[in-house]
Amino acid sequence: MATVAAVSGLVVAIVVMALLFKPLFGDWEEFVECVKFWITPDVISLFSGEYIEDRWSELKLVFWLVCGLLSGTGVYAGLMRLFG
């Protein structure tokens, strides 16, 4: 049962992340920009005048990842609790 719960959790996480992709990022270019801001140190963004954009991009990316992680983990834990 653990395998079924893990696969179900993974599928739900991927679906949630896919459904949230368009509202949060719009297109692939904005997603790549968010990843670039996540990699770039905040000090560099501060001195280049992009600090607010950096923080907003990081917030969107982290929110997207946490939603996927929590939904997948919740499905896994719920199925394991129900069916053990």
PDB file of N, CA and C in Angstrom:
ATOM      1  N   MET A   1       0.818  -1.201   0.000  1.00  0.00           N
ATOM      2  CA  MET A   1       0.000   0.000   0.000  1.00  0.00           C
ATOM      3  C   MET A   1       0.853   1.252   0.000  1.00  0.00           C
ATOM      4  N   ALA A   2       2.043   1.146   0.551  1.00  0.00           N
ATOM      5  CA  ALA A   2       2.910   2.320   0.610  1.00  0.00           C
ATOM      6  C   ALA A   2       3.295   2.791  -0.782  1.00  0.00           C
ATOM      7  N   THR A   3       3.487   1.851  -1.698  1.00  0.00           N
ATOM      8  CA  THR A   3       3.855   2.224  -3.063  1.00  0.00           C
ATOM      9  C   THR A   3       2.712   2.961  -3.746  1.00  0.00           C
ATOM     10  N   VAL A   4       1.494   2.471  -3.568  1.00  0.00           N
ATOM     11  CA  VAL A   4       0.324   3.126  -4.166  1.00  0.00           C
ATOM     12  C   VAL A   4       0.147   4.518  -3.578  1.00  0.00           C
ATOM     13  N   ALA A   5       0.333   4.649  -2.278  1.00  0.00           N
ATOM     14  CA  ALA A   5       0.200   5.952  -1.624  1.00  0.00           C
ATOM     15  C   ALA A   5       1.282   6.913  -2.112  1.00  0.00           C
ATOM     16  N   ALA A   6       2.501   6.420  -2.273  1.00  0.00           N
ATOM     17  CA  ALA A   6       3.591   7.275  -2.740  1.00  0.00           C
ATOM     18  C   ALA A   6       3.359   7.731  -4.177  1.00  0.00           C
ATOM     19  N   VAL A   7       2.948   6.821  -5.025  1.00  0.00           N
ATOM     20  CA  VAL A   7       2.687   7.184  -6.421  1.00  0.00           C
ATOM     21  C   VAL A   7       1.506   8.148  -6.502  1.00  0.00           C
ATOM     22  N   SER A   8       0.462   7.901  -5.722  1.00  0.00           N
ATOM     23  CA  SER A   8      -0.697   8.803  -5.712  1.00  0.00           C
ATOM     24  C   SER A   8      -0.307  10.193  -5.221  1.00  0.00           C
ATOM     25  N   GLY A   9       0.495  10.249  -4.182  1.00  0.00           N
ATOM     26  CA  GLY A   9       0.973  11.535  -3.676  1.00  0.00           C
ATOM     27  C   GLY A   9       1.798  12.277  -4.700  1.00  0.00           C
ATOM     28  N   LEU A  10       2.647  11.556  -5.414  1.00  0.00           N
ATOM     29  CA  LEU A  10       3.469  12.173  -6.455  1.00  0.00           C
ATOM     30  C   LEU A  10       2.610  12.700  -7.597  1.00  0.00           C
ATOM     31  N   VAL A  11       1.627  11.918  -7.999  1.00  0.00           N
ATOM     32  CA  VAL A  11       0.735  12.352  -9.083  1.00  0.00           C
ATOM     33  C   VAL A  11      -0.043  13.597  -8.674  1.00  0.00           C
ATOM     34  N   VAL A  12      -0.573  13.609  -7.460  1.00  0.00           N
ATOM     35  CA  VAL A  12      -1.325  14.774  -6.982  1.00  0.00           C
ATOM     36  C   VAL A  12      -0.418  15.998  -6.894  1.00  0.00           C
ATOM     37  N   ALA A  13       0.795  15.833  -6.418  1.00  0.00           N
ATOM     38  CA  ALA A  13       1.724  16.959  -6.327  1.00  0.00           C
ATOM     39  C   ALA A  13       2.019  17.531  -7.710  1.00  0.00           C
ATOM     40  N   ILE A  14       2.239  16.677  -8.682  1.00  0.00           N
ATOM     41  CA  ILE A  14       2.525  17.141 -10.043  1.00  0.00           C
ATOM     42  C   ILE A  14       1.318  17.849 -10.642  1.00  0.00           C
ATOM     43  N   VAL A  15       0.132  17.315 -10.408  1.00  0.00           N
ATOM     44  CA  VAL A  15      -1.085  17.947 -10.935  1.00  0.00           C
ATOM     45  C   VAL A  15      -1.300  19.318 -10.301  1.00  0.00           C
ATOM     46  N   VAL A  16      -1.121  19.418  -8.993  1.00  0.00           N
ATOM     47  CA  VAL A  16      -1.291  20.710  -8.310  1.00  0.00           C
ATOM     48  C   VAL A  16      -0.275  21.717  -8.834  1.00  0.00           C
ATOM     49  N   MET A  17       0.956  21.285  -8.988  1.00  0.00           N
ATOM     50  CA  MET A  17       1.981  22.200  -9.499  1.00  0.00           C
ATOM     51  C   MET A  17       1.681  22.614 -10.936  1.00  0.00           C
ATOM     52  N   ALA A  18       1.167  21.699 -11.734  1.00  0.00           N
ATOM     53  CA  ALA A  18       0.815  22.032 -13.112  1.00  0.00           C
ATOM     54  C   ALA A  18      -0.352  23.014 -13.155  1.00  0.00           C
ATOM     55  N   LEU A  19      -1.331  22.822 -12.281  1.00  0.00           N
ATOM     56  CA  LEU A  19      -2.479  23.721 -12.256  1.00  0.00           C
ATOM     57  C   LEU A  19      -2.116  25.117 -11.741  1.00  0.00           C
ATOM     58  N   LEU A  20      -1.149  25.201 -10.847  1.00  0.00           N
ATOM     59  CA  LEU A  20      -0.738  26.504 -10.312  1.00  0.00           C
ATOM     60  C   LEU A  20       0.300  27.213 -11.171  1.00  0.00           C
ATOM     61  N   PHE A  21       0.858  26.525 -12.151  1.00  0.00           N
ATOM     62  CA  PHE A  21       1.937  27.120 -12.950  1.00  0.00           C
ATOM     63  C   PHE A  21       1.466  28.359 -13.705  1.00  0.00           C
ATOM     64  N   LYS A  22       0.389  28.231 -14.436  1.00  0.00           N
ATOM     65  CA  LYS A  22      -0.097  29.339 -15.266  1.00  0.00           C
ATOM     66  C   LYS A  22      -0.517  30.549 -14.428  1.00  0.00           C
ATOM     67  N   PRO A  23      -1.299  30.383 -13.345  1.00  0.00           N
ATOM     68  CA  PRO A  23      -1.680  31.573 -12.564  1.00  0.00           C
ATOM     69  C   PRO A  23      -0.493  32.266 -11.883  1.00  0.00           C
ATOM     70  N   LEU A  24       0.506  31.498 -11.471  1.00  0.00           N
ATOM     71  CA  LEU A  24       1.626  32.113 -10.766  1.00  0.00           C
ATOM     72  C   LEU A  24       2.677  32.697 -11.702  1.00  0.00           C
ATOM     73  N   PHE A  25       3.005  31.971 -12.754  1.00  0.00           N
ATOM     74  CA  PHE A  25       4.123  32.379 -13.593  1.00  0.00           C
ATOM     75  C   PHE A  25       3.710  32.908 -14.961  1.00  0.00           C
ATOM     76  N   GLY A  26       2.595  32.485 -15.467  1.00  0.00           N
ATOM     77  CA  GLY A  26       2.159  32.958 -16.767  1.00  0.00           C
ATOM     78  C   GLY A  26       2.755  32.186 -17.922  1.00  0.00           C
ATOM     79  N   ASP A  27       4.070  32.184 -18.011  1.00  0.00           N
ATOM     80  CA  ASP A  27       4.733  31.472 -19.093  1.00  0.00           C
ATOM     81  C   ASP A  27       6.091  30.970 -18.613  1.00  0.00           C
ATOM     82  N   TRP A  28       6.747  30.250 -19.490  1.00  0.00           N
ATOM     83  CA  TRP A  28       8.025  29.629 -19.155  1.00  0.00           C
ATOM     84  C   TRP A  28       9.106  30.672 -18.864  1.00  0.00           C
ATOM     85  N   GLU A  29       9.095  31.790 -19.579  1.00  0.00           N
ATOM     86  CA  GLU A  29      10.120  32.817 -19.388  1.00  0.00           C
ATOM     87  C   GLU A  29      10.072  33.415 -17.984  1.00  0.00           C
ATOM     88  N   GLU A  30       8.853  33.644 -17.472  1.00  0.00           N
ATOM     89  CA  GLU A  30       8.738  34.189 -16.123  1.00  0.00           C
ATOM     90  C   GLU A  30       9.188  33.174 -15.074  1.00  0.00           C
ATOM     91  N   PHE A  31       8.925  31.893 -15.324  1.00  0.00           N
ATOM     92  CA  PHE A  31       9.397  30.854 -14.421  1.00  0.00           C
ATOM     93  C   PHE A  31      10.927  30.835 -14.374  1.00  0.00           C
ATOM     94  N   VAL A  32      11.552  30.907 -15.542  1.00  0.00           N
ATOM     95  CA  VAL A  32      13.017  30.930 -15.605  1.00  0.00           C
ATOM     96  C   VAL A  32      13.562  32.174 -14.906  1.00  0.00           C
ATOM     97  N   GLU A  33      12.873  33.302 -15.053  1.00  0.00           N
ATOM     98  CA  GLU A  33      13.286  34.522 -14.364  1.00  0.00           C
ATOM     99  C   GLU A  33      13.207  34.355 -12.850  1.00  0.00           C
ATOM    100  N   CYS A  34      12.160  33.683 -12.371  1.00  0.00           N
ATOM    101  CA  CYS A  34      12.026  33.431 -10.935  1.00  0.00           C
ATOM    102  C   CYS A  34      13.165  32.548 -10.424  1.00  0.00           C
ATOM    103  N   VAL A  35      13.524  31.542 -11.209  1.00  0.00           N
ATOM    104  CA  VAL A  35      14.639  30.672 -10.813  1.00  0.00           C
ATOM    105  C   VAL A  35      15.952  31.458 -10.797  1.00  0.00           C
ATOM    106  N   LYS A  36      16.147  32.339 -11.776  1.00  0.00           N
ATOM    107  CA  LYS A  36      17.362  33.168 -11.800  1.00  0.00           C
ATOM    108  C   LYS A  36      17.427  34.070 -10.584  1.00  0.00           C
ATOM    109  N   PHE A  37      16.286  34.671 -10.214  1.00  0.00           N
ATOM    110  CA  PHE A  37      16.274  35.514  -9.012  1.00  0.00           C
ATOM    111  C   PHE A  37      16.533  34.691  -7.761  1.00  0.00           C
ATOM    112  N   TRP A  38      16.065  33.442  -7.736  1.00  0.00           N
ATOM    113  CA  TRP A  38      16.281  32.577  -6.581  1.00  0.00           C
ATOM    114  C   TRP A  38      17.762  32.248  -6.425  1.00  0.00           C
ATOM    115  N   ILE A  39      18.456  32.092  -7.541  1.00  0.00           N
ATOM    116  CA  ILE A  39      19.880  31.766  -7.514  1.00  0.00           C
ATOM    117  C   ILE A  39      20.727  32.999  -7.191  1.00  0.00           C
ATOM    118  N   THR A  40      20.290  34.160  -7.679  1.00  0.00           N
ATOM    119  CA  THR A  40      21.044  35.399  -7.487  1.00  0.00           C
ATOM    120  C   THR A  40      20.996  35.822  -6.021  1.00  0.00           C
ATOM    121  N   PRO A  41      22.142  36.142  -5.422  1.00  0.00           N
ATOM    122  CA  PRO A  41      22.136  36.626  -4.037  1.00  0.00           C
ATOM    123  C   PRO A  41      21.345  37.937  -3.913  1.00  0.00           C
ATOM    124  N   ASP A  42      20.693  38.117  -2.776  1.00  0.00           N
ATOM    125  CA  ASP A  42      19.856  39.296  -2.558  1.00  0.00           C
ATOM    126  C   ASP A  42      20.659  40.596  -2.604  1.00  0.00           C
ATOM    127  N   VAL A  43      21.906  40.542  -2.203  1.00  0.00           N
ATOM    128  CA  VAL A  43      22.739  41.746  -2.206  1.00  0.00           C
ATOM    129  C   VAL A  43      22.936  42.253  -3.638  1.00  0.00           C
ATOM    130  N   ILE A  44      23.138  41.346  -4.563  1.00  0.00           N
ATOM    131  CA  ILE A  44      23.312  41.743  -5.958  1.00  0.00           C
ATOM    132  C   ILE A  44      22.026  42.356  -6.490  1.00  0.00           C
ATOM    133  N   SER A  45      20.885  41.770  -6.146  1.00  0.00           N
ATOM    134  CA  SER A  45      19.602  42.334  -6.571  1.00  0.00           C
ATOM    135  C   SER A  45      19.371  43.705  -5.942  1.00  0.00           C
ATOM    136  N   LEU A  46      19.795  43.864  -4.712  1.00  0.00           N
ATOM    137  CA  LEU A  46      19.628  45.144  -4.029  1.00  0.00           C
ATOM    138  C   LEU A  46      20.411  46.243  -4.735  1.00  0.00           C
ATOM    139  N   PHE A  47      21.663  45.965  -5.067  1.00  0.00           N
ATOM    140  CA  PHE A  47      22.490  46.987  -5.706  1.00  0.00           C
ATOM    141  C   PHE A  47      22.152  47.205  -7.175  1.00  0.00           C
ATOM    142  N   SER A  48      21.498  46.245  -7.800  1.00  0.00           N
ATOM    143  CA  SER A  48      21.097  46.436  -9.197  1.00  0.00           C
ATOM    144  C   SER A  48      19.694  47.026  -9.307  1.00  0.00           C
ATOM    145  N   GLY A  49      19.035  47.288  -8.180  1.00  0.00           N
ATOM    146  CA  GLY A  49      17.719  47.915  -8.181  1.00  0.00           C
ATOM    147  C   GLY A  49      16.577  46.953  -8.453  1.00  0.00           C
ATOM    148  N   GLU A  50      16.791  45.661  -8.276  1.00  0.00           N
ATOM    149  CA  GLU A  50      15.756  44.665  -8.545  1.00  0.00           C
ATOM    150  C   GLU A  50      15.369  43.891  -7.283  1.00  0.00           C
ATOM    151  N   TYR A  51      15.539  44.492  -6.128  1.00  0.00           N
ATOM    152  CA  TYR A  51      15.316  43.769  -4.878  1.00  0.00           C
ATOM    153  C   TYR A  51      13.851  43.363  -4.704  1.00  0.00           C
ATOM    154  N   ILE A  52      12.922  44.276  -5.008  1.00  0.00           N
ATOM    155  CA  ILE A  52      11.500  43.967  -4.842  1.00  0.00           C
ATOM    156  C   ILE A  52      11.089  42.858  -5.808  1.00  0.00           C
ATOM    157  N   GLU A  53      11.545  42.935  -7.057  1.00  0.00           N
ATOM    158  CA  GLU A  53      11.241  41.889  -8.026  1.00  0.00           C
ATOM    159  C   GLU A  53      11.837  40.548  -7.589  1.00  0.00           C
ATOM    160  N   ASP A  54      13.040  40.601  -7.006  1.00  0.00           N
ATOM    161  CA  ASP A  54      13.706  39.397  -6.503  1.00  0.00           C
ATOM    162  C   ASP A  54      12.872  38.752  -5.406  1.00  0.00           C
ATOM    163  N   ARG A  55      12.431  39.535  -4.454  1.00  0.00           N
ATOM    164  CA  ARG A  55      11.663  38.983  -3.330  1.00  0.00           C
ATOM    165  C   ARG A  55      10.326  38.416  -3.811  1.00  0.00           C
ATOM    166  N   TRP A  56       9.647  39.130  -4.728  1.00  0.00           N
ATOM    167  CA  TRP A  56       8.363  38.664  -5.229  1.00  0.00           C
ATOM    168  C   TRP A  56       8.537  37.364  -6.024  1.00  0.00           C
ATOM    169  N   SER A  57       9.573  37.293  -6.840  1.00  0.00           N
ATOM    170  CA  SER A  57       9.828  36.091  -7.632  1.00  0.00           C
ATOM    171  C   SER A  57      10.145  34.905  -6.736  1.00  0.00           C
ATOM    172  N   GLU A  58      10.952  35.122  -5.720  1.00  0.00           N
ATOM    173  CA  GLU A  58      11.271  34.045  -4.791  1.00  0.00           C
ATOM    174  C   GLU A  58      10.028  33.585  -4.030  1.00  0.00           C
ATOM    175  N   LEU A  59       9.174  34.520  -3.660  1.00  0.00           N
ATOM    176  CA  LEU A  59       7.947  34.171  -2.939  1.00  0.00           C
ATOM    177  C   LEU A  59       7.041  33.307  -3.810  1.00  0.00           C
ATOM    178  N   LYS A  60       6.890  33.668  -5.073  1.00  0.00           N
ATOM    179  CA  LYS A  60       6.052  32.874  -5.980  1.00  0.00           C
ATOM    180  C   LYS A  60       6.615  31.471  -6.155  1.00  0.00           C
ATOM    181  N   LEU A  61       7.916  31.376  -6.331  1.00  0.00           N
ATOM    182  CA  LEU A  61       8.535  30.070  -6.544  1.00  0.00           C
ATOM    183  C   LEU A  61       8.413  29.182  -5.306  1.00  0.00           C
ATOM    184  N   VAL A  62       8.668  29.741  -4.149  1.00  0.00           N
ATOM    185  CA  VAL A  62       8.564  28.968  -2.906  1.00  0.00           C
ATOM    186  C   VAL A  62       7.111  28.564  -2.648  1.00  0.00           C
ATOM    187  N   PHE A  63       6.168  29.454  -2.900  1.00  0.00           N
ATOM    188  CA  PHE A  63       4.753  29.132  -2.727  1.00  0.00           C
ATOM    189  C   PHE A  63       4.354  27.972  -3.632  1.00  0.00           C
ATOM    190  N   TRP A  64       4.812  27.996  -4.876  1.00  0.00           N
ATOM    191  CA  TRP A  64       4.509  26.939  -5.839  1.00  0.00           C
ATOM    192  C   TRP A  64       5.075  25.595  -5.377  1.00  0.00           C
ATOM    193  N   LEU A  65       6.317  25.611  -4.917  1.00  0.00           N
ATOM    194  CA  LEU A  65       6.949  24.383  -4.441  1.00  0.00           C
ATOM    195  C   LEU A  65       6.284  23.848  -3.174  1.00  0.00           C
ATOM    196  N   VAL A  66       5.963  24.721  -2.244  1.00  0.00           N
ATOM    197  CA  VAL A  66       5.333  24.296  -0.985  1.00  0.00           C
ATOM    198  C   VAL A  66       3.937  23.735  -1.234  1.00  0.00           C
ATOM    199  N   CYS A  67       3.181  24.349  -2.132  1.00  0.00           N
ATOM    200  CA  CYS A  67       1.846  23.821  -2.448  1.00  0.00           C
ATOM    201  C   CYS A  67       1.935  22.410  -3.018  1.00  0.00           C
ATOM    202  N   GLY A  68       2.871  22.181  -3.910  1.00  0.00           N
ATOM    203  CA  GLY A  68       3.051  20.847  -4.464  1.00  0.00           C
ATOM    204  C   GLY A  68       3.490  19.849  -3.410  1.00  0.00           C
ATOM    205  N   LEU A  69       4.440  20.257  -2.587  1.00  0.00           N
ATOM    206  CA  LEU A  69       4.951  19.374  -1.540  1.00  0.00           C
ATOM    207  C   LEU A  69       3.874  19.034  -0.511  1.00  0.00           C
ATOM    208  N   LEU A  70       3.138  20.033  -0.067  1.00  0.00           N
ATOM    209  CA  LEU A  70       2.105  19.780   0.939  1.00  0.00           C
ATOM    210  C   LEU A  70       0.961  18.941   0.393  1.00  0.00           C
ATOM    211  N   SER A  71       0.566  19.169  -0.845  1.00  0.00           N
ATOM    212  CA  SER A  71      -0.527  18.368  -1.400  1.00  0.00           C
ATOM    213  C   SER A  71      -0.108  16.907  -1.573  1.00  0.00           C
ATOM    214  N   GLY A  72       1.082  16.686  -2.073  1.00  0.00           N
ATOM    215  CA  GLY A  72       1.564  15.314  -2.226  1.00  0.00           C
ATOM    216  C   GLY A  72       1.756  14.612  -0.902  1.00  0.00           C
ATOM    217  N   THR A  73       2.315  15.305   0.057  1.00  0.00           N
ATOM    218  CA  THR A  73       2.512  14.733   1.386  1.00  0.00           C
ATOM    219  C   THR A  73       1.181  14.464   2.074  1.00  0.00           C
ATOM    220  N   GLY A  74       0.232  15.359   1.894  1.00  0.00           N
ATOM    221  CA  GLY A  74      -1.087  15.166   2.493  1.00  0.00           C
ATOM    222  C   GLY A  74      -1.806  13.954   1.929  1.00  0.00           C
ATOM    223  N   VAL A  75      -1.722  13.761   0.623  1.00  0.00           N
ATOM    224  CA  VAL A  75      -2.353  12.585   0.014  1.00  0.00           C
ATOM    225  C   VAL A  75      -1.667  11.314   0.497  1.00  0.00           C
ATOM    226  N   TYR A  76      -0.357  11.323   0.528  1.00  0.00           N
ATOM    227  CA  TYR A  76       0.373  10.141   1.001  1.00  0.00           C
ATOM    228  C   TYR A  76      -0.003   9.814   2.448  1.00  0.00           C
ATOM    229  N   ALA A  77       0.035  10.816   3.312  1.00  0.00           N
ATOM    230  CA  ALA A  77      -0.273  10.583   4.725  1.00  0.00           C
ATOM    231  C   ALA A  77      -1.727  10.152   4.906  1.00  0.00           C
ATOM    232  N   GLY A  78      -2.638  10.762   4.159  1.00  0.00           N
ATOM    233  CA  GLY A  78      -4.043  10.391   4.268  1.00  0.00           C
ATOM    234  C   GLY A  78      -4.301   8.964   3.820  1.00  0.00           C
ATOM    235  N   LEU A  79      -3.698   8.567   2.719  1.00  0.00           N
ATOM    236  CA  LEU A  79      -3.880   7.191   2.257  1.00  0.00           C
ATOM    237  C   LEU A  79      -3.244   6.185   3.204  1.00  0.00           C
ATOM    238  N   MET A  80      -2.100   6.520   3.739  1.00  0.00           N
ATOM    239  CA  MET A  80      -1.454   5.612   4.695  1.00  0.00           C
ATOM    240  C   MET A  80      -2.265   5.483   5.976  1.00  0.00           C
ATOM    241  N   ARG A  81      -2.895   6.578   6.392  1.00  0.00           N
ATOM    242  CA  ARG A  81      -3.709   6.517   7.593  1.00  0.00           C
ATOM    243  C   ARG A  81      -4.990   5.721   7.361  1.00  0.00           C
ATOM    244  N   LEU A  82      -5.581   5.900   6.178  1.00  0.00           N
ATOM    245  CA  LEU A  82      -6.833   5.186   5.868  1.00  0.00           C
ATOM    246  C   LEU A  82      -6.624   3.701   5.647  1.00  0.00           C
ATOM    247  N   PHE A  83      -5.604   3.382   4.870  1.00  0.00           N
ATOM    248  CA  PHE A  83      -5.425   1.991   4.437  1.00  0.00           C
ATOM    249  C   PHE A  83      -4.206   1.306   5.045  1.00  0.00           C
ATOM    250  N   GLY A  84      -3.377   2.075   5.749  1.00  0.00           N
ATOM    251  CA  GLY A  84      -2.239   1.537   6.467  1.00  0.00           C
ATOM    252  C   GLY A  84      -1.349   0.766   5.641  1.00  0.00           C
TER     253      GLY A  84
END
